[in-house]
Amino acid sequence: MAGVWHRLGRTRRRRVVTITIVALVLIVILIFRPFRHLVRAYLADVDEREPIPAGYADDASRLNLTKIAEVWPVPSDSAQAESQLQELLARARRDKLKVSIAGARHSMGGHTIAPDGIVIDMLPFRSMELDGERNILYVQAGARWSEIIPYLNRHGRSPSVMQSNNSFSVGGSISVNCHGWQFDRPPIASTVESFRIMLADGRILRASRDENSELFSLAIGGYGLFGIVLDVDLRVVPNERYRLKQYIVPATEALETFHSSITNSSDARMVYARLNVTPERLFDDVILTAFHSEPGDPPPLEAQDVDPMRRLVFRGSAADDYGKALRWDAETKLSPLLAGHVFSRNQLLNAGTNQFENRTRSSTDILHEYFVPRERAATFVLAMREIILQHHANLLNVTVREINEDRDTFLCYADQPVISFVMLFVQDRTTAGEDQMISVTRALTDAALRYGGRYYLPYRLHATPEQFHRAYPQATKFFEKKREYDRDGLFENEFFRKYAGSADGNRAE
């Protein structure tokens, strides 16, 4: 080897040395910047969340710390729970206390909080039983999906419709009429056979499409304002084996790819898209992800631990534009090589929010969601991009889903087939941060309304009363019905307090 090197000649040796040094420098630069970025993300990812003080309640936003009278956990025993809940409601009426209902508390607008009132904690109430012949799951309202999925998996079943994460309770999912990324499906209301609900006077009624049908439509997506949902009969489906197909395309080709590769496929089961949130290429590119059923046994359900590297890449994208570009590169170039291609339905659903949650003291992550008719989706994306750039909002994620028409609920958001845009922002926990988010929310809400759409109600109460009533013209009747079922106004939360008295859309804020 030494002889070969000597015969190269001095000039050529210098050239080889120079090229080698330049190559090493480039490699170091290429490796060093992402390495330094991830180290900084690791050092910043410290759990600084403050515990909620005694006598107060908050929710996932960490922006709604509110003084309350008490938190009352429901007994796990059904008979005790029902009798004690009736006594609690009687005491609340006697003492003139308002009552709100809480599960995992992932709403963000005080929907589970009655100021100076009683917060009923439903999480202990979580038993379940499967009717395998009818494919119906009987489940109490406090059960989380993280408990339900392993139970169903043992019986070869899976939830029919649920959110994209397992951290929520069934009662919470019903109260917001959640939807997921199950392809060609309406929201969860379509899977509810019936439920039992305790009204303000302590009566327990069963509600279904045939029995107490009005109450059925009002309480699903009713945000806990009509009573305490005790237990639910949900339709479930087989757990299947899925194969991943992914398409990374310019936004201009996304709809064509979606229709040619997914809509026309009879075996597509779960589908979503993600938009590029790198500011210099905001929404220019799309990752289109589809899971197709295939013959064979589903892979076993394994415990869902937090993936440290995936979390670092995601949380690092909150820090700066470079982090967002690095994450997009990782998700489009590296993840397809490492993620695998075969999954079970339950594997895909059994992921918690702890993989991504913001744990810093100074900021919080805030969700938005907007629904627009399919034919207006492209123009809404253009308006969305302009608004986010104009307000310099720190956008972490946009997931796009299709939702079929909801024919079951009164306060419905999908009154026709719609495209859903789920957006995640980082917000400073300051007055300036709140003011900026209010401006962003109202601008995006106006854009959705302009294109015949609506916004989702479980998040921050930043929409004006006028915007709320434009989005949900049936809300006036909804609140009138609430007063019929709850004449003393026992059930209350911050959502009700802001919008119930604004039937004309002009209530002062």
Protein backbone atom coordinates (compact mmCIF):
# COMPACT_ATOMS: atom_id res chain seq x y z
CA MET A 1 0.00 0.00 0.00
CA ALA A 2 2.86 2.34 0.82
CA GLY A 3 4.35 1.69 -2.61
CA VAL A 4 1.14 2.58 -4.37
CA TRP A 5 0.85 5.76 -2.32
CA HIS A 6 4.48 6.70 -3.25
CA ARG A 7 3.88 6.13 -6.95
CA LEU A 8 0.90 8.51 -7.00
CA GLY A 9 3.23 11.48 -7.09
CA ARG A 10 3.31 14.54 -4.92
CA THR A 11 0.58 16.51 -6.72
CA ARG A 12 -1.84 13.63 -6.83
CA ARG A 13 -1.11 12.79 -3.19
CA ARG A 14 -1.94 16.35 -2.20
CA ARG A 15 -5.15 16.17 -4.19
CA VAL A 16 -6.16 12.91 -2.51
CA VAL A 17 -5.34 14.33 0.93
CA THR A 18 -7.33 17.47 0.19
CA ILE A 19 -10.34 15.53 -1.05
CA THR A 20 -10.16 13.24 1.96
CA ILE A 21 -9.98 16.17 4.39
CA VAL A 22 -12.87 17.96 2.66
CA ALA A 23 -14.92 14.76 2.72
CA LEU A 24 -14.21 14.24 6.42
CA VAL A 25 -15.10 17.85 7.17
CA LEU A 26 -18.38 17.51 5.25
CA ILE A 27 -19.19 14.28 7.08
CA VAL A 28 -18.46 15.92 10.42
CA ILE A 29 -20.63 18.91 9.49
CA LEU A 30 -23.47 16.71 8.29
CA ILE A 31 -23.36 14.58 11.42
CA PHE A 32 -22.53 17.30 13.93
CA ARG A 33 -25.48 19.61 13.33
CA PRO A 34 -28.25 17.01 13.74
CA PHE A 35 -26.30 15.46 16.64
CA ARG A 36 -26.01 18.84 18.37
CA HIS A 37 -29.70 19.53 17.70
CA LEU A 38 -30.79 16.21 19.21
CA VAL A 39 -28.53 16.69 22.25
CA ARG A 40 -30.12 20.09 22.85
CA ALA A 41 -33.58 18.55 22.47
CA TYR A 42 -32.64 15.81 24.95
CA LEU A 43 -31.38 18.30 27.53
CA ALA A 44 -34.50 20.45 27.12
CA ASP A 45 -36.91 17.51 27.40
CA VAL A 46 -37.31 17.65 31.17
CA ASP A 47 -40.68 17.13 32.83
CA GLU A 48 -41.35 20.54 34.37
CA ARG A 49 -45.13 20.23 34.60
CA GLU A 50 -46.49 21.53 37.88
CA PRO A 51 -48.86 19.36 39.94
CA ILE A 52 -52.41 20.68 40.15
CA PRO A 53 -52.90 22.23 43.62
CA ALA A 54 -55.56 20.82 45.93
CA GLY A 55 -58.89 22.54 45.39
CA TYR A 56 -58.19 23.25 41.71
CA ALA A 57 -58.76 21.54 38.36
CA ASP A 58 -57.10 21.85 34.96
CA ASP A 59 -57.02 19.98 31.65
CA ALA A 60 -54.55 19.02 28.94
CA SER A 61 -54.04 22.63 27.89
CA ARG A 62 -52.44 23.52 31.26
CA LEU A 63 -54.09 26.92 30.75
CA ASN A 64 -57.35 26.40 32.66
CA LEU A 65 -56.34 26.18 36.32
CA THR A 66 -59.66 26.81 38.08
CA LYS A 67 -60.80 26.78 41.70
CA ILE A 68 -63.38 24.07 42.38
CA ALA A 69 -65.28 22.77 45.39
CA GLU A 70 -64.06 19.17 45.10
CA VAL A 71 -63.07 16.28 42.84
CA TRP A 72 -65.31 13.28 43.47
CA PRO A 73 -64.01 9.90 42.22
CA VAL A 74 -66.76 7.47 41.22
CA PRO A 75 -66.64 4.10 43.06
CA SER A 76 -65.63 1.22 40.80
CA ASP A 77 -68.57 -0.92 41.98
CA SER A 78 -71.59 -0.30 39.73
CA ALA A 79 -74.30 -0.44 42.40
CA GLN A 80 -72.36 1.80 44.78
CA ALA A 81 -71.47 4.20 41.98
CA GLU A 82 -75.06 4.70 40.85
CA SER A 83 -76.54 5.18 44.33
CA GLN A 84 -73.74 7.49 45.42
CA LEU A 85 -73.96 9.52 42.21
CA GLN A 86 -77.65 10.06 42.86
CA GLU A 87 -76.84 11.24 46.38
CA LEU A 88 -74.10 13.51 45.03
CA LEU A 89 -76.47 15.17 42.54
CA ALA A 90 -79.05 15.70 45.27
CA ARG A 91 -76.38 17.30 47.48
CA ALA A 92 -75.21 19.52 44.63
CA ARG A 93 -78.77 20.75 44.03
CA ARG A 94 -79.26 21.38 47.76
CA ASP A 95 -75.96 23.25 48.11
CA LYS A 96 -76.41 25.06 44.77
CA LEU A 97 -73.19 23.64 43.32
CA LYS A 98 -72.62 23.01 39.64
CA VAL A 99 -71.38 19.63 38.43
CA SER A 100 -68.97 18.74 35.62
CA ILE A 101 -67.80 15.34 34.39
CA ALA A 102 -64.17 14.40 33.75
CA GLY A 103 -62.29 11.43 32.36
CA ALA A 104 -58.76 11.68 31.01
CA ARG A 105 -59.22 15.49 30.66
CA HIS A 106 -57.76 15.83 27.18
CA SER A 107 -60.16 18.58 26.19
CA MET A 108 -58.58 22.03 26.28
CA GLY A 109 -61.31 24.56 26.95
CA GLY A 110 -62.49 23.81 30.47
CA HIS A 111 -65.09 21.35 29.18
CA THR A 112 -64.55 19.18 32.27
CA ILE A 113 -64.54 22.04 34.77
CA ALA A 114 -67.40 23.77 36.58
CA PRO A 115 -65.85 26.72 38.46
CA ASP A 116 -66.43 26.41 42.23
CA GLY A 117 -68.34 23.21 41.49
CA ILE A 118 -67.93 19.44 41.79
CA VAL A 119 -65.83 17.60 39.24
CA ILE A 120 -66.87 13.94 38.94
CA ASP A 121 -63.86 11.75 38.13
CA MET A 122 -65.16 8.82 36.06
CA LEU A 123 -61.84 6.98 35.59
CA PRO A 124 -62.37 4.36 38.34
CA PHE A 125 -65.55 3.21 36.54
CA ARG A 126 -63.98 0.97 33.89
CA SER A 127 -65.28 -2.61 33.71
CA MET A 128 -66.06 -4.17 30.33
CA GLU A 129 -67.52 -7.30 28.77
CA LEU A 130 -67.64 -8.53 25.18
CA ASP A 131 -70.64 -10.12 23.48
CA GLY A 132 -68.68 -12.04 20.87
CA GLU A 133 -71.71 -13.25 18.95
CA ARG A 134 -73.05 -9.74 18.39
CA ASN A 135 -69.64 -7.99 18.31
CA ILE A 136 -70.81 -5.58 20.99
CA LEU A 137 -68.56 -4.34 23.79
CA TYR A 138 -70.27 -3.28 27.00
CA VAL A 139 -67.91 -0.82 28.67
CA GLN A 140 -68.18 1.66 31.53
CA ALA A 141 -67.47 5.29 30.75
CA GLY A 142 -64.23 5.64 32.71
CA ALA A 143 -62.35 2.93 30.80
CA ARG A 144 -59.47 4.22 28.72
CA TRP A 145 -58.78 2.88 25.24
CA SER A 146 -55.38 1.74 26.56
CA GLU A 147 -57.34 -0.71 28.74
CA ILE A 148 -59.91 -1.61 26.09
CA ILE A 149 -57.53 -2.47 23.24
CA PRO A 150 -55.61 -5.25 25.08
CA TYR A 151 -58.94 -6.68 26.28
CA LEU A 152 -60.39 -6.74 22.77
CA ASN A 153 -57.13 -8.04 21.34
CA ARG A 154 -57.38 -11.17 23.49
CA HIS A 155 -60.73 -11.85 21.80
CA GLY A 156 -59.58 -11.07 18.26
CA ARG A 157 -61.52 -7.79 18.16
CA SER A 158 -60.67 -4.12 17.79
CA PRO A 159 -62.39 -0.74 18.24
CA SER A 160 -64.42 0.25 15.21
CA VAL A 161 -63.83 4.02 15.53
CA MET A 162 -61.66 5.85 18.05
CA GLN A 163 -59.06 8.61 18.20
CA SER A 164 -55.54 8.07 16.92
CA ASN A 165 -54.26 7.62 20.50
CA ASN A 166 -55.30 5.36 23.35
CA SER A 167 -55.03 7.85 26.23
CA PHE A 168 -58.68 8.93 26.23
CA SER A 169 -61.65 7.53 28.13
CA VAL A 170 -64.71 6.08 26.41
CA GLY A 171 -66.96 8.60 28.14
CA GLY A 172 -64.77 11.43 26.92
CA SER A 173 -64.73 10.04 23.38
CA ILE A 174 -68.53 9.86 23.40
CA SER A 175 -68.94 13.34 24.88
CA VAL A 176 -66.90 14.92 22.07
CA ASN A 177 -68.12 12.47 19.38
CA CYS A 178 -64.54 11.71 18.40
CA HIS A 179 -63.40 10.45 15.04
CA GLY A 180 -60.24 8.68 13.97
CA TRP A 181 -58.35 7.74 10.82
CA GLN A 182 -60.47 4.70 10.12
CA PHE A 183 -61.11 4.96 6.39
CA ASP A 184 -64.55 5.75 4.99
CA ARG A 185 -66.20 5.99 8.42
CA PRO A 186 -68.35 8.57 10.27
CA PRO A 187 -67.48 9.61 13.85
CA ILE A 188 -67.76 7.27 16.84
CA ALA A 189 -71.52 7.94 17.22
CA SER A 190 -72.06 5.55 14.30
CA THR A 191 -70.66 2.69 16.43
CA VAL A 192 -72.77 3.35 19.54
CA GLU A 193 -75.67 0.93 19.94
CA SER A 194 -76.92 2.45 23.19
CA PHE A 195 -75.80 3.94 26.48
CA ARG A 196 -77.15 4.50 29.96
CA ILE A 197 -77.18 8.04 31.28
CA MET A 198 -78.00 9.52 34.68
CA LEU A 199 -79.97 12.76 34.37
CA ALA A 200 -79.78 15.71 36.75
CA ASP A 201 -82.73 14.41 38.80
CA GLY A 202 -81.00 11.06 39.35
CA ARG A 203 -83.07 9.05 36.88
CA ILE A 204 -81.17 6.53 34.76
CA LEU A 205 -82.34 6.15 31.15
CA ARG A 206 -81.18 3.98 28.29
CA ALA A 207 -80.75 5.92 25.06
CA SER A 208 -80.45 4.49 21.56
CA ARG A 209 -81.69 5.27 18.07
CA ASP A 210 -85.01 3.67 19.01
CA GLU A 211 -85.32 4.49 22.72
CA ASN A 212 -84.99 8.08 24.00
CA SER A 213 -83.60 8.87 20.57
CA GLU A 214 -83.53 12.64 21.09
CA LEU A 215 -81.39 12.24 24.21
CA PHE A 216 -79.17 9.83 22.26
CA SER A 217 -78.43 12.48 19.65
CA LEU A 218 -77.95 15.27 22.19
CA ALA A 219 -75.66 13.48 24.67
CA ILE A 220 -73.23 12.11 22.06
CA GLY A 221 -71.14 15.17 21.34
CA GLY A 222 -72.96 16.93 24.19
CA TYR A 223 -69.89 17.67 26.32
CA GLY A 224 -71.38 16.29 29.52
CA LEU A 225 -74.22 18.82 29.63
CA PHE A 226 -77.13 16.37 29.55
CA GLY A 227 -76.11 13.91 32.22
CA ILE A 228 -73.55 11.36 33.31
CA VAL A 229 -72.96 8.65 30.72
CA LEU A 230 -72.52 5.50 32.81
CA ASP A 231 -71.80 2.80 30.26
CA VAL A 232 -71.91 2.26 26.52
CA ASP A 233 -72.61 -0.60 24.11
CA LEU A 234 -70.13 -0.21 21.24
CA ARG A 235 -69.92 -2.14 18.00
CA VAL A 236 -66.45 -3.63 17.48
CA VAL A 237 -64.72 -5.18 14.46
CA PRO A 238 -62.18 -7.97 13.88
CA ASN A 239 -58.53 -7.26 14.57
CA GLU A 240 -56.87 -7.55 11.16
CA ARG A 241 -53.44 -7.80 9.60
CA TYR A 242 -52.52 -4.62 7.69
CA ARG A 243 -49.82 -3.78 5.20
CA LEU A 244 -48.43 -0.25 5.05
CA LYS A 245 -48.28 1.69 1.80
CA GLN A 246 -46.85 5.18 1.85
CA TYR A 247 -46.67 7.87 -0.81
CA ILE A 248 -44.57 11.05 -0.54
CA VAL A 249 -45.86 13.46 -3.14
CA PRO A 250 -46.18 17.19 -3.86
CA ALA A 251 -49.40 18.62 -2.47
CA THR A 252 -50.65 19.24 -6.01
CA GLU A 253 -50.60 15.47 -6.65
CA ALA A 254 -52.02 14.37 -3.28
CA LEU A 255 -55.69 14.17 -4.27
CA GLU A 256 -54.94 12.33 -7.50
CA THR A 257 -52.73 9.85 -5.60
CA PHE A 258 -55.38 9.44 -2.93
CA HIS A 259 -58.13 8.65 -5.43
CA SER A 260 -56.05 6.40 -7.69
CA SER A 261 -54.24 4.45 -4.99
CA ILE A 262 -56.62 4.40 -2.02
CA THR A 263 -60.22 5.35 -2.79
CA ASN A 264 -60.41 2.76 -5.55
CA SER A 265 -58.93 0.08 -3.30
CA SER A 266 -61.44 -2.22 -1.59
CA ASP A 267 -59.02 -3.21 1.17
CA ALA A 268 -58.00 0.24 2.52
CA ARG A 269 -58.81 0.34 6.24
CA MET A 270 -56.91 3.19 7.88
CA VAL A 271 -55.68 6.29 6.06
CA TYR A 272 -54.22 9.66 6.92
CA ALA A 273 -51.96 12.31 5.42
CA ARG A 274 -49.41 14.64 6.95
CA LEU A 275 -48.35 17.99 5.55
CA ASN A 276 -44.82 19.34 5.49
CA VAL A 277 -44.63 22.03 8.22
CA THR A 278 -41.10 23.24 7.38
CA PRO A 279 -41.72 27.01 7.01
CA GLU A 280 -39.89 27.41 3.68
CA ARG A 281 -41.91 24.53 2.19
CA LEU A 282 -45.05 24.91 4.26
CA PHE A 283 -47.71 22.46 2.97
CA ASP A 284 -45.85 21.92 -0.31
CA ASP A 285 -45.41 18.19 0.27
CA VAL A 286 -47.57 15.42 1.68
CA ILE A 287 -46.93 12.03 3.27
CA LEU A 288 -49.94 9.88 2.42
CA THR A 289 -50.14 6.78 4.64
CA ALA A 290 -52.55 3.91 4.05
CA PHE A 291 -52.97 0.54 5.73
CA HIS A 292 -54.55 -2.21 3.64
CA SER A 293 -55.95 -5.45 5.03
CA GLU A 294 -54.31 -8.66 3.87
CA PRO A 295 -54.76 -12.36 4.63
CA GLY A 296 -52.92 -13.85 7.59
CA ASP A 297 -52.77 -13.57 11.35
CA PRO A 298 -52.31 -10.11 12.87
CA PRO A 299 -48.93 -9.59 14.58
CA PRO A 300 -49.07 -9.88 18.38
CA LEU A 301 -49.93 -6.79 20.40
CA GLU A 302 -46.85 -5.54 22.19
CA ALA A 303 -46.50 -2.96 24.96
CA GLN A 304 -46.26 0.54 23.53
CA ASP A 305 -43.20 2.11 25.11
CA VAL A 306 -42.08 5.63 24.27
CA ASP A 307 -39.53 5.58 21.45
CA PRO A 308 -36.83 7.96 22.77
CA MET A 309 -35.38 8.87 19.37
CA ARG A 310 -38.77 9.45 17.79
CA ARG A 311 -39.74 11.65 20.72
CA LEU A 312 -36.51 13.66 20.48
CA VAL A 313 -36.97 14.27 16.77
CA PHE A 314 -40.57 15.37 17.34
CA ARG A 315 -39.93 17.60 20.37
CA GLY A 316 -36.85 18.99 18.68
CA SER A 317 -39.05 20.22 15.84
CA ALA A 318 -40.73 22.59 18.31
CA ALA A 319 -37.45 24.43 18.86
CA ASP A 320 -36.67 25.88 15.43
CA ASP A 321 -37.06 25.61 11.67
CA TYR A 322 -34.04 23.33 11.39
CA GLY A 323 -35.72 20.88 13.74
CA LYS A 324 -38.82 20.83 11.54
CA ALA A 325 -36.71 20.19 8.41
CA LEU A 326 -34.77 17.43 10.19
CA ARG A 327 -37.99 15.77 11.29
CA TRP A 328 -39.44 15.88 7.76
CA ASP A 329 -36.25 14.32 6.38
CA ALA A 330 -36.33 11.63 9.06
CA GLU A 331 -39.99 10.82 8.40
CA THR A 332 -39.71 10.75 4.62
CA LYS A 333 -36.29 9.11 4.20
CA LEU A 334 -35.44 7.16 7.35
CA SER A 335 -38.77 6.06 8.85
CA PRO A 336 -39.92 4.12 5.75
CA LEU A 337 -36.76 1.99 6.06
CA LEU A 338 -37.11 1.34 9.79
CA ALA A 339 -40.83 1.30 10.60
CA GLY A 340 -41.73 -2.06 9.12
CA HIS A 341 -44.61 -2.81 6.76
CA VAL A 342 -46.93 -5.24 8.55
CA PHE A 343 -49.07 -4.29 11.56
CA SER A 344 -52.21 -5.32 13.37
CA ARG A 345 -55.11 -2.93 13.63
CA ASN A 346 -54.73 -2.90 17.42
CA GLN A 347 -51.02 -2.08 17.17
CA LEU A 348 -51.81 1.06 15.21
CA LEU A 349 -54.45 2.20 17.70
CA ASN A 350 -52.51 1.35 20.85
CA ALA A 351 -50.27 4.43 21.05
CA GLY A 352 -50.33 6.99 23.84
CA THR A 353 -50.03 10.76 23.77
CA ASN A 354 -46.93 10.53 26.00
CA GLN A 355 -44.90 9.84 22.86
CA PHE A 356 -45.27 13.49 21.85
CA GLU A 357 -46.60 15.54 24.80
CA ASN A 358 -45.04 18.84 25.79
CA ARG A 359 -43.56 18.66 29.30
CA THR A 360 -41.93 22.09 29.56
CA ARG A 361 -43.05 24.73 32.02
CA SER A 362 -42.88 27.67 29.61
CA SER A 363 -45.00 26.35 26.75
CA THR A 364 -47.83 23.96 25.96
CA ASP A 365 -49.16 22.21 22.86
CA ILE A 366 -52.58 23.28 21.62
CA LEU A 367 -54.78 21.37 19.19
CA HIS A 368 -57.03 22.89 16.53
CA GLU A 369 -59.25 21.05 14.09
CA TYR A 370 -61.18 22.28 11.10
CA PHE A 371 -63.63 20.44 8.83
CA VAL A 372 -64.27 21.55 5.25
CA PRO A 373 -66.18 19.97 2.36
CA ARG A 374 -63.96 17.80 0.21
CA GLU A 375 -64.21 20.07 -2.83
CA ARG A 376 -62.99 23.08 -0.80
CA ALA A 377 -60.03 21.41 0.91
CA ALA A 378 -57.33 22.68 -1.49
CA THR A 379 -58.41 26.31 -1.22
CA PHE A 380 -58.63 26.03 2.56
CA VAL A 381 -55.01 24.81 2.67
CA LEU A 382 -53.89 27.93 0.80
CA ALA A 383 -55.71 30.16 3.29
CA MET A 384 -54.33 28.13 6.18
CA ARG A 385 -50.75 28.60 4.97
CA GLU A 386 -51.18 32.36 4.58
CA ILE A 387 -52.62 32.71 8.10
CA ILE A 388 -49.88 30.66 9.80
CA LEU A 389 -47.06 32.50 8.04
CA GLN A 390 -48.67 35.88 8.73
CA HIS A 391 -48.98 35.16 12.46
CA HIS A 392 -45.57 33.43 12.75
CA ALA A 393 -47.30 30.57 14.55
CA ASN A 394 -45.16 27.66 15.74
CA LEU A 395 -46.92 24.82 13.93
CA LEU A 396 -45.77 21.31 14.87
CA ASN A 397 -48.06 19.07 12.89
CA VAL A 398 -50.98 18.88 10.45
CA THR A 399 -52.74 15.55 9.99
CA VAL A 400 -55.41 15.24 7.31
CA ARG A 401 -58.27 12.71 7.47
CA GLU A 402 -61.52 11.97 5.69
CA ILE A 403 -64.74 11.73 7.72
CA ASN A 404 -68.08 10.51 6.43
CA GLU A 405 -71.38 12.20 7.20
CA ASP A 406 -72.61 11.98 10.80
CA ARG A 407 -76.33 11.16 10.85
CA ASP A 408 -76.61 10.51 14.58
CA THR A 409 -75.71 13.59 16.63
CA PHE A 410 -77.45 16.89 17.16
CA LEU A 411 -74.40 19.14 17.46
CA CYS A 412 -72.65 17.46 14.53
CA TYR A 413 -69.52 18.78 12.83
CA ALA A 414 -69.70 16.43 9.81
CA ASP A 415 -73.06 17.30 8.30
CA GLN A 416 -71.63 16.03 4.99
CA PRO A 417 -68.46 14.14 4.01
CA VAL A 418 -65.59 16.38 5.09
CA ILE A 419 -61.82 16.65 5.16
CA SER A 420 -60.43 17.15 8.65
CA PHE A 421 -57.28 19.17 9.35
CA VAL A 422 -55.88 18.40 12.82
CA MET A 423 -53.28 21.00 13.74
CA LEU A 424 -50.86 21.06 16.69
CA PHE A 425 -49.28 24.33 17.77
CA VAL A 426 -46.74 25.22 20.43
CA GLN A 427 -47.97 28.12 22.54
CA ASP A 428 -46.07 30.11 25.15
CA ARG A 429 -47.85 30.09 28.50
CA THR A 430 -47.88 33.88 28.62
CA THR A 431 -50.40 36.62 27.92
CA ALA A 432 -48.66 37.32 24.61
CA GLY A 433 -48.78 33.63 23.70
CA GLU A 434 -52.49 33.48 24.49
CA ASP A 435 -53.21 36.62 22.46
CA GLN A 436 -51.34 35.22 19.46
CA MET A 437 -53.24 31.93 19.64
CA ILE A 438 -56.58 33.75 19.85
CA SER A 439 -55.72 35.66 16.68
CA VAL A 440 -54.61 32.50 14.85
CA THR A 441 -57.71 30.57 15.92
CA ARG A 442 -60.15 33.25 14.85
CA ALA A 443 -58.45 33.73 11.49
CA LEU A 444 -58.47 29.97 10.79
CA THR A 445 -62.08 29.69 11.95
CA ASP A 446 -63.11 32.49 9.60
CA ALA A 447 -61.34 30.68 6.76
CA ALA A 448 -63.12 27.40 7.52
CA LEU A 449 -66.48 29.18 7.66
CA ARG A 450 -65.74 30.99 4.41
CA TYR A 451 -65.30 27.64 2.67
CA GLY A 452 -68.44 26.08 4.10
CA GLY A 453 -66.73 24.31 7.00
CA ARG A 454 -66.75 24.13 10.79
CA TYR A 455 -64.27 23.82 13.64
CA TYR A 456 -64.04 21.21 16.39
CA LEU A 457 -65.39 22.17 19.80
CA PRO A 458 -63.23 20.33 22.41
CA TYR A 459 -60.34 22.75 22.19
CA ARG A 460 -59.63 26.28 23.43
CA LEU A 461 -62.68 28.55 23.56
CA HIS A 462 -61.13 31.19 21.33
CA ALA A 463 -63.85 31.35 18.69
CA THR A 464 -66.17 34.29 19.20
CA PRO A 465 -69.84 33.62 20.00
CA GLU A 466 -70.66 34.89 16.52
CA GLN A 467 -68.24 32.38 14.95
CA PHE A 468 -69.60 29.58 17.13
CA HIS A 469 -73.18 30.18 16.02
CA ARG A 470 -72.19 30.49 12.37
CA ALA A 471 -70.41 27.15 12.60
CA TYR A 472 -73.19 25.49 14.61
CA PRO A 473 -76.52 27.16 13.78
CA GLN A 474 -78.28 24.31 15.62
CA ALA A 475 -76.58 25.37 18.89
CA THR A 476 -79.45 27.62 20.01
CA LYS A 477 -81.84 24.66 19.91
CA PHE A 478 -79.15 22.47 21.53
CA PHE A 479 -78.96 24.74 24.57
CA GLU A 480 -82.76 24.99 24.74
CA LYS A 481 -82.89 21.18 24.90
CA LYS A 482 -80.21 21.17 27.58
CA ARG A 483 -82.45 23.35 29.76
CA GLU A 484 -85.38 20.99 29.19
CA TYR A 485 -83.41 17.97 30.40
CA ASP A 486 -81.61 19.87 33.17
CA ARG A 487 -84.11 22.43 34.46
CA ASP A 488 -81.98 23.47 37.44
CA GLY A 489 -78.87 23.95 35.32
CA LEU A 490 -76.94 21.44 37.41
CA PHE A 491 -74.45 20.32 34.73
CA GLU A 492 -72.12 23.08 33.68
CA ASN A 493 -68.66 23.71 32.28
CA GLU A 494 -66.67 26.54 30.73
CA PHE A 495 -67.93 25.71 27.22
CA PHE A 496 -71.53 26.15 28.39
CA ARG A 497 -70.69 29.33 30.29
CA LYS A 498 -69.17 30.98 27.23
CA TYR A 499 -71.65 30.05 24.52
CA ALA A 500 -75.01 29.10 26.07
CA GLY A 501 -76.03 32.69 26.75
CA SER A 502 -75.05 33.89 23.30
CA ALA A 503 -77.96 32.69 21.17
CA ASP A 504 -77.78 35.86 19.10
CA GLY A 505 -74.02 35.50 18.71
CA ASN A 506 -73.42 38.89 20.34
CA ARG A 507 -72.66 38.03 23.95
CA ALA A 508 -69.83 40.10 25.35
CA GLU A 509 -66.59 38.15 25.75
